[in-house]
Amino acid sequence: MANKGEVLLDEMDLAILSHLEQDGRRSFSDIAADLGVTVSTISTRVKKLMDRHTLSILGYLNPHKVGFIIPGTILINTRPGYAEKVAEAIAQLPEVSYVALFTGDFDVLAEILCRDPDHLTQLLTQHVYRIVGVEKARISLHLRRIKLKQPSVALLKSKDDTQDEEGEVRS
């Protein structure tokens, strides 16, 4: 059963997403040929996925290779009742690439990219610590990116869909 607001994906959607997962720049004509459908079918479905905010196609850069020597994570504690407002304010900062509300020891997580220690200091002192509702922030710097990829869309299939009669996993 789908959760409220959840978009159910059919086999064609999953197949398209699987192709884009492998190469987000892959042409619709190549995907259509692989799946045995028309280019307009692929184009229409990708447009619907994007319109429903189910799919975004982004290009990620390696921060260390382009001059952001301080990529990191900011974990923020907020005053009670301020987590969502703080998250929305943090999301507006140009250094921030990802923001999430959290449970547990921190209320908000933000992934950041800064040019150097001075840039990080400015981000914290001139922006983050001035947001109403921020109580404290912990900074963790990323030393090296090991993986940046979403989990495989194949995980959306049930266990029964990915195993044959003998229990062997199908790819």
C-alpha atoms as a PDB file:
ATOM      1  CA  MET A   1       0.000   0.000   0.000  1.00  0.00           C
ATOM      2  CA  ALA A   2       1.327   3.461  -0.876  1.00  0.00           C
ATOM      3  CA  ASN A   3       2.017   6.087   1.751  1.00  0.00           C
ATOM      4  CA  LYS A   4       0.186   9.387   1.505  1.00  0.00           C
ATOM      5  CA  GLY A   5       1.850  11.403  -1.257  1.00  0.00           C
ATOM      6  CA  GLU A   6       3.850   8.417  -2.520  1.00  0.00           C
ATOM      7  CA  VAL A   7       4.010   8.003  -6.267  1.00  0.00           C
ATOM      8  CA  LEU A   8       3.719   4.423  -7.421  1.00  0.00           C
ATOM      9  CA  LEU A   9       6.067   3.456 -10.224  1.00  0.00           C
ATOM     10  CA  ASP A  10       5.240   0.823 -12.823  1.00  0.00           C
ATOM     11  CA  GLU A  11       7.744  -1.492 -14.510  1.00  0.00           C
ATOM     12  CA  MET A  12       8.351   0.976 -17.376  1.00  0.00           C
ATOM     13  CA  ASP A  13       9.087   3.823 -14.935  1.00  0.00           C
ATOM     14  CA  LEU A  14      11.505   1.594 -13.027  1.00  0.00           C
ATOM     15  CA  ALA A  15      13.209   0.510 -16.256  1.00  0.00           C
ATOM     16  CA  ILE A  16      13.632   4.139 -17.369  1.00  0.00           C
ATOM     17  CA  LEU A  17      14.962   5.148 -13.946  1.00  0.00           C
ATOM     18  CA  SER A  18      17.373   2.213 -13.999  1.00  0.00           C
ATOM     19  CA  HIS A  19      18.782   3.385 -17.343  1.00  0.00           C
ATOM     20  CA  LEU A  20      19.114   6.978 -16.108  1.00  0.00           C
ATOM     21  CA  GLU A  21      20.690   5.740 -12.891  1.00  0.00           C
ATOM     22  CA  GLN A  22      23.486   4.174 -14.949  1.00  0.00           C
ATOM     23  CA  ASP A  23      23.966   7.293 -17.105  1.00  0.00           C
ATOM     24  CA  GLY A  24      21.857  10.396 -16.475  1.00  0.00           C
ATOM     25  CA  ARG A  25      22.919  11.805 -19.851  1.00  0.00           C
ATOM     26  CA  ARG A  26      21.795   8.786 -21.820  1.00  0.00           C
ATOM     27  CA  SER A  27      19.636   9.750 -24.790  1.00  0.00           C
ATOM     28  CA  PHE A  28      15.937   9.000 -24.817  1.00  0.00           C
ATOM     29  CA  SER A  29      16.391   7.270 -28.182  1.00  0.00           C
ATOM     30  CA  ASP A  30      18.938   4.832 -26.687  1.00  0.00           C
ATOM     31  CA  ILE A  31      16.660   4.112 -23.724  1.00  0.00           C
ATOM     32  CA  ALA A  32      13.651   3.656 -26.031  1.00  0.00           C
ATOM     33  CA  ALA A  33      15.601   1.228 -28.230  1.00  0.00           C
ATOM     34  CA  ASP A  34      16.695  -0.817 -25.206  1.00  0.00           C
ATOM     35  CA  LEU A  35      13.151  -0.967 -23.838  1.00  0.00           C
ATOM     36  CA  GLY A  36      11.407  -1.513 -27.168  1.00  0.00           C
ATOM     37  CA  VAL A  37       9.205   1.584 -26.974  1.00  0.00           C
ATOM     38  CA  THR A  38       9.041   4.914 -28.779  1.00  0.00           C
ATOM     39  CA  VAL A  39      11.157   7.924 -27.934  1.00  0.00           C
ATOM     40  CA  SER A  40       7.963   9.873 -27.191  1.00  0.00           C
ATOM     41  CA  THR A  41       7.002   7.247 -24.576  1.00  0.00           C
ATOM     42  CA  ILE A  42      10.316   7.789 -22.804  1.00  0.00           C
ATOM     43  CA  SER A  43      10.102  11.572 -23.148  1.00  0.00           C
ATOM     44  CA  THR A  44       6.529  11.695 -21.823  1.00  0.00           C
ATOM     45  CA  ARG A  45       7.279   9.442 -18.871  1.00  0.00           C
ATOM     46  CA  VAL A  46      10.462  11.306 -17.901  1.00  0.00           C
ATOM     47  CA  LYS A  47       8.567  14.606 -18.097  1.00  0.00           C
ATOM     48  CA  LYS A  48       5.816  13.209 -15.818  1.00  0.00           C
ATOM     49  CA  LEU A  49       8.394  11.906 -13.334  1.00  0.00           C
ATOM     50  CA  MET A  50      10.053  15.308 -13.261  1.00  0.00           C
ATOM     51  CA  ASP A  51       6.746  17.206 -13.047  1.00  0.00           C
ATOM     52  CA  ARG A  52       5.736  15.058 -10.037  1.00  0.00           C
ATOM     53  CA  HIS A  53       9.144  15.736  -8.431  1.00  0.00           C
ATOM     54  CA  THR A  54       9.874  12.011  -8.510  1.00  0.00           C
ATOM     55  CA  LEU A  55      12.977  12.552 -10.658  1.00  0.00           C
ATOM     56  CA  SER A  56      15.585  15.277 -10.841  1.00  0.00           C
ATOM     57  CA  ILE A  57      18.593  14.973 -13.084  1.00  0.00           C
ATOM     58  CA  LEU A  58      21.579  16.737 -11.566  1.00  0.00           C
ATOM     59  CA  GLY A  59      25.261  16.995 -12.296  1.00  0.00           C
ATOM     60  CA  TYR A  60      27.538  16.675  -9.287  1.00  0.00           C
ATOM     61  CA  LEU A  61      31.050  17.997  -9.172  1.00  0.00           C
ATOM     62  CA  ASN A  62      33.973  16.756  -7.157  1.00  0.00           C
ATOM     63  CA  PRO A  63      34.414  19.685  -4.750  1.00  0.00           C
ATOM     64  CA  HIS A  64      38.134  19.126  -4.222  1.00  0.00           C
ATOM     65  CA  LYS A  65      38.834  19.231  -7.960  1.00  0.00           C
ATOM     66  CA  VAL A  66      37.103  22.573  -8.543  1.00  0.00           C
ATOM     67  CA  GLY A  67      38.304  24.596  -5.593  1.00  0.00           C
ATOM     68  CA  PHE A  68      35.907  23.828  -2.740  1.00  0.00           C
ATOM     69  CA  ILE A  69      38.505  22.512  -0.307  1.00  0.00           C
ATOM     70  CA  ILE A  70      36.050  22.544   2.613  1.00  0.00           C
ATOM     71  CA  PRO A  71      33.085  20.284   1.853  1.00  0.00           C
ATOM     72  CA  GLY A  72      31.249  19.288   4.986  1.00  0.00           C
ATOM     73  CA  THR A  73      28.155  18.637   7.016  1.00  0.00           C
ATOM     74  CA  ILE A  74      26.553  20.952   9.535  1.00  0.00           C
ATOM     75  CA  LEU A  75      24.417  19.280  12.208  1.00  0.00           C
ATOM     76  CA  ILE A  76      22.172  21.836  13.902  1.00  0.00           C
ATOM     77  CA  ASN A  77      20.193  21.877  17.140  1.00  0.00           C
ATOM     78  CA  THR A  78      17.254  24.264  17.159  1.00  0.00           C
ATOM     79  CA  ARG A  79      14.953  25.708  19.764  1.00  0.00           C
ATOM     80  CA  PRO A  80      11.726  23.729  20.106  1.00  0.00           C
ATOM     81  CA  GLY A  81       9.363  24.509  17.252  1.00  0.00           C
ATOM     82  CA  TYR A  82      12.052  26.078  15.013  1.00  0.00           C
ATOM     83  CA  ALA A  83      13.467  23.095  13.118  1.00  0.00           C
ATOM     84  CA  GLU A  84      11.464  23.591   9.922  1.00  0.00           C
ATOM     85  CA  LYS A  85      12.036  27.373   9.830  1.00  0.00           C
ATOM     86  CA  VAL A  86      15.769  26.886  10.389  1.00  0.00           C
ATOM     87  CA  ALA A  87      15.911  24.202   7.671  1.00  0.00           C
ATOM     88  CA  GLU A  88      14.139  26.509   5.208  1.00  0.00           C
ATOM     89  CA  ALA A  89      16.545  29.372   6.009  1.00  0.00           C
ATOM     90  CA  ILE A  90      19.600  27.108   5.707  1.00  0.00           C
ATOM     91  CA  ALA A  91      18.313  25.826   2.341  1.00  0.00           C
ATOM     92  CA  GLN A  92      18.495  29.380   0.945  1.00  0.00           C
ATOM     93  CA  LEU A  93      22.259  29.650   1.499  1.00  0.00           C
ATOM     94  CA  PRO A  94      24.248  29.229  -1.738  1.00  0.00           C
ATOM     95  CA  GLU A  95      26.865  27.024  -0.042  1.00  0.00           C
ATOM     96  CA  VAL A  96      24.210  24.447   0.871  1.00  0.00           C
ATOM     97  CA  SER A  97      23.464  21.522  -1.445  1.00  0.00           C
ATOM     98  CA  TYR A  98      21.257  19.344   0.760  1.00  0.00           C
ATOM     99  CA  VAL A  99      19.089  19.954   3.817  1.00  0.00           C
ATOM    100  CA  ALA A 100      17.086  17.451   5.858  1.00  0.00           C
ATOM    101  CA  LEU A 101      15.084  17.488   9.071  1.00  0.00           C
ATOM    102  CA  PHE A 102      16.446  14.909  11.486  1.00  0.00           C
ATOM    103  CA  THR A 103      15.432  12.904  14.518  1.00  0.00           C
ATOM    104  CA  GLY A 104      17.811  12.095  17.328  1.00  0.00           C
ATOM    105  CA  ASP A 105      20.627  14.287  18.606  1.00  0.00           C
ATOM    106  CA  PHE A 106      20.248  16.984  15.914  1.00  0.00           C
ATOM    107  CA  ASP A 107      17.275  18.610  14.235  1.00  0.00           C
ATOM    108  CA  VAL A 108      18.694  19.741  10.887  1.00  0.00           C
ATOM    109  CA  LEU A 109      21.461  18.418   8.633  1.00  0.00           C
ATOM    110  CA  ALA A 110      22.995  20.530   5.861  1.00  0.00           C
ATOM    111  CA  GLU A 111      25.638  19.505   3.321  1.00  0.00           C
ATOM    112  CA  ILE A 112      27.896  22.448   2.424  1.00  0.00           C
ATOM    113  CA  LEU A 113      30.718  23.437   0.093  1.00  0.00           C
ATOM    114  CA  CYS A 114      33.154  26.202   1.069  1.00  0.00           C
ATOM    115  CA  ARG A 115      36.238  27.489  -0.757  1.00  0.00           C
ATOM    116  CA  ASP A 116      38.499  27.635   2.290  1.00  0.00           C
ATOM    117  CA  PRO A 117      38.494  28.019   6.105  1.00  0.00           C
ATOM    118  CA  ASP A 118      37.718  31.757   5.860  1.00  0.00           C
ATOM    119  CA  HIS A 119      34.670  31.020   3.712  1.00  0.00           C
ATOM    120  CA  LEU A 120      33.478  28.410   6.258  1.00  0.00           C
ATOM    121  CA  THR A 121      33.987  30.886   9.103  1.00  0.00           C
ATOM    122  CA  GLN A 122      31.985  33.523   7.250  1.00  0.00           C
ATOM    123  CA  LEU A 123      29.196  31.039   6.478  1.00  0.00           C
ATOM    124  CA  LEU A 124      28.892  30.093  10.135  1.00  0.00           C
ATOM    125  CA  THR A 125      29.308  33.482  11.785  1.00  0.00           C
ATOM    126  CA  GLN A 126      27.518  35.690   9.265  1.00  0.00           C
ATOM    127  CA  HIS A 127      24.714  33.318   8.298  1.00  0.00           C
ATOM    128  CA  VAL A 128      24.122  30.055  10.179  1.00  0.00           C
ATOM    129  CA  TYR A 129      24.548  31.371  13.731  1.00  0.00           C
ATOM    130  CA  ARG A 130      22.368  34.408  12.913  1.00  0.00           C
ATOM    131  CA  ILE A 131      19.340  32.346  11.929  1.00  0.00           C
ATOM    132  CA  VAL A 132      16.630  32.679  14.553  1.00  0.00           C
ATOM    133  CA  GLY A 133      16.131  29.330  16.266  1.00  0.00           C
ATOM    134  CA  VAL A 134      19.675  27.964  15.850  1.00  0.00           C
ATOM    135  CA  GLU A 135      21.023  26.899  19.243  1.00  0.00           C
ATOM    136  CA  LYS A 136      24.218  25.123  18.272  1.00  0.00           C
ATOM    137  CA  ALA A 137      25.900  23.613  15.250  1.00  0.00           C
ATOM    138  CA  ARG A 138      28.472  20.873  14.845  1.00  0.00           C
ATOM    139  CA  ILE A 139      30.643  20.867  11.736  1.00  0.00           C
ATOM    140  CA  SER A 140      32.129  17.734  10.201  1.00  0.00           C
ATOM    141  CA  LEU A 141      34.484  18.153   7.254  1.00  0.00           C
ATOM    142  CA  HIS A 142      34.543  15.638   4.416  1.00  0.00           C
ATOM    143  CA  LEU A 143      38.082  14.420   3.801  1.00  0.00           C
ATOM    144  CA  ARG A 144      37.395  12.477   0.609  1.00  0.00           C
ATOM    145  CA  ARG A 145      34.266  11.442  -1.280  1.00  0.00           C
ATOM    146  CA  ILE A 146      34.011   7.687  -1.510  1.00  0.00           C
ATOM    147  CA  LYS A 147      30.556   7.433  -3.092  1.00  0.00           C
ATOM    148  CA  LEU A 148      27.922   9.849  -4.331  1.00  0.00           C
ATOM    149  CA  LYS A 149      25.051   7.930  -5.811  1.00  0.00           C
ATOM    150  CA  GLN A 150      21.474   7.151  -4.945  1.00  0.00           C
ATOM    151  CA  PRO A 151      20.654   3.594  -3.984  1.00  0.00           C
ATOM    152  CA  SER A 152      19.644   1.411  -6.931  1.00  0.00           C
ATOM    153  CA  VAL A 153      16.025   1.670  -8.064  1.00  0.00           C
ATOM    154  CA  ALA A 154      16.101  -2.140  -8.169  1.00  0.00           C
ATOM    155  CA  LEU A 155      15.674  -1.974  -4.379  1.00  0.00           C
ATOM    156  CA  LEU A 156      12.121  -0.724  -4.967  1.00  0.00           C
ATOM    157  CA  LYS A 157      11.125  -4.151  -6.268  1.00  0.00           C
ATOM    158  CA  SER A 158       9.899  -6.665  -3.728  1.00  0.00           C
ATOM    159  CA  LYS A 159      12.073  -9.624  -2.787  1.00  0.00           C
ATOM    160  CA  ASP A 160       9.682 -11.852  -4.756  1.00  0.00           C
ATOM    161  CA  ASP A 161      10.265  -9.767  -7.915  1.00  0.00           C
ATOM    162  CA  THR A 162      14.044 -10.192  -7.780  1.00  0.00           C
ATOM    163  CA  GLN A 163      14.347 -13.918  -7.003  1.00  0.00           C
ATOM    164  CA  ASP A 164      13.652 -16.933  -9.190  1.00  0.00           C
ATOM    165  CA  GLU A 165      11.947 -20.162  -8.047  1.00  0.00           C
ATOM    166  CA  GLU A 166      15.143 -21.491  -6.416  1.00  0.00           C
ATOM    167  CA  GLY A 167      15.677 -18.294  -4.424  1.00  0.00           C
ATOM    168  CA  GLU A 168      18.522 -17.107  -6.655  1.00  0.00           C
ATOM    169  CA  VAL A 169      18.752 -13.359  -7.016  1.00  0.00           C
ATOM    170  CA  ARG A 170      18.046 -12.116 -10.554  1.00  0.00           C
ATOM    171  CA  SER A 171      19.670  -9.009 -11.907  1.00  0.00           C
END
